[in-house]
Amino acid sequence: MNWLKSMLSDGCNGSVSSKRVITLLAFILCSYGFIASIHGYHMDTKLFDSMMYIVIAGLGFTASEKFAKKD
């Protein structure tokens, strides 16, 4: 359980980052939707694309935190 908390915590003060939690949940939902579509379930493509954009943006913002100046 420690590895999950360390994965979701930010680099500044060690608290859990809401951006990372939302990105992880959106990734899980996208993965579930992709697997469901393989098994023949139909889903709205706009909803899937929206969740995918949330994952892409969340990963981009999280990666940009590594290069930002820390005060």
Protein backbone atom coordinates (compact mmCIF):
# COMPACT_ATOMS: atom_id res chain seq x y z
CA MET A 1 0.00 0.00 0.00
CA ASN A 2 2.99 2.29 0.55
CA TRP A 3 3.93 2.10 -3.14
CA LEU A 4 0.46 3.35 -4.13
CA LYS A 5 0.67 6.30 -1.76
CA SER A 6 4.16 7.16 -2.99
CA MET A 7 2.99 6.93 -6.60
CA LEU A 8 0.08 9.31 -5.97
CA SER A 9 1.97 11.81 -3.81
CA ASP A 10 3.50 14.96 -5.22
CA GLY A 11 7.19 15.74 -5.00
CA CYS A 12 6.93 18.90 -2.91
CA ASN A 13 5.42 17.99 0.43
CA GLY A 14 4.51 14.32 0.05
CA SER A 15 0.72 14.74 0.20
CA VAL A 16 -1.56 12.87 -2.18
CA SER A 17 -2.11 14.91 -5.35
CA SER A 18 -5.67 15.18 -6.63
CA LYS A 19 -4.38 15.47 -10.23
CA ARG A 20 -2.73 12.10 -9.94
CA VAL A 21 -5.76 10.46 -8.32
CA ILE A 22 -8.12 11.77 -11.02
CA THR A 23 -5.68 10.70 -13.75
CA LEU A 24 -5.41 7.20 -12.27
CA LEU A 25 -9.20 6.84 -12.02
CA ALA A 26 -9.67 8.09 -15.59
CA PHE A 27 -7.01 5.62 -16.78
CA ILE A 28 -8.78 2.75 -15.01
CA LEU A 29 -12.10 3.73 -16.60
CA CYS A 30 -10.50 3.99 -20.06
CA SER A 31 -8.90 0.59 -19.61
CA TYR A 32 -12.23 -0.90 -18.53
CA GLY A 33 -14.00 0.69 -21.49
CA PHE A 34 -11.39 -0.59 -23.93
CA ILE A 35 -11.60 -4.12 -22.58
CA ALA A 36 -15.40 -3.96 -22.65
CA SER A 37 -15.34 -2.83 -26.29
CA ILE A 38 -13.16 -5.81 -27.18
CA HIS A 39 -15.79 -8.11 -25.66
CA GLY A 40 -18.56 -6.59 -27.78
CA TYR A 41 -20.11 -3.96 -25.51
CA HIS A 42 -21.04 -0.69 -27.14
CA MET A 43 -20.08 2.63 -25.59
CA ASP A 44 -20.32 6.26 -26.58
CA THR A 45 -17.09 7.19 -28.33
CA LYS A 46 -17.31 10.81 -27.18
CA LEU A 47 -17.32 9.68 -23.57
CA PHE A 48 -14.33 7.42 -24.15
CA ASP A 49 -12.45 10.19 -25.96
CA SER A 50 -13.17 12.63 -23.13
CA MET A 51 -11.76 10.25 -20.53
CA MET A 52 -8.75 9.65 -22.74
CA TYR A 53 -8.11 13.41 -22.96
CA ILE A 54 -8.29 13.66 -19.17
CA VAL A 55 -5.64 10.93 -18.90
CA ILE A 56 -3.40 12.61 -21.48
CA ALA A 57 -3.70 16.02 -19.83
CA GLY A 58 -3.17 14.59 -16.35
CA LEU A 59 -0.04 12.74 -17.40
CA GLY A 60 1.26 15.86 -19.14
CA PHE A 61 0.69 18.08 -16.10
CA THR A 62 2.24 15.50 -13.79
CA ALA A 63 5.31 15.18 -16.01
CA SER A 64 5.66 18.96 -16.24
CA GLU A 65 5.84 19.16 -12.43
CA LYS A 66 9.24 17.45 -12.60
CA PHE A 67 10.66 20.31 -14.67
CA ALA A 68 9.06 23.23 -12.84
CA LYS A 69 11.06 25.33 -10.41
CA LYS A 70 10.44 24.53 -6.77
CA ASP A 71 10.38 27.48 -4.37
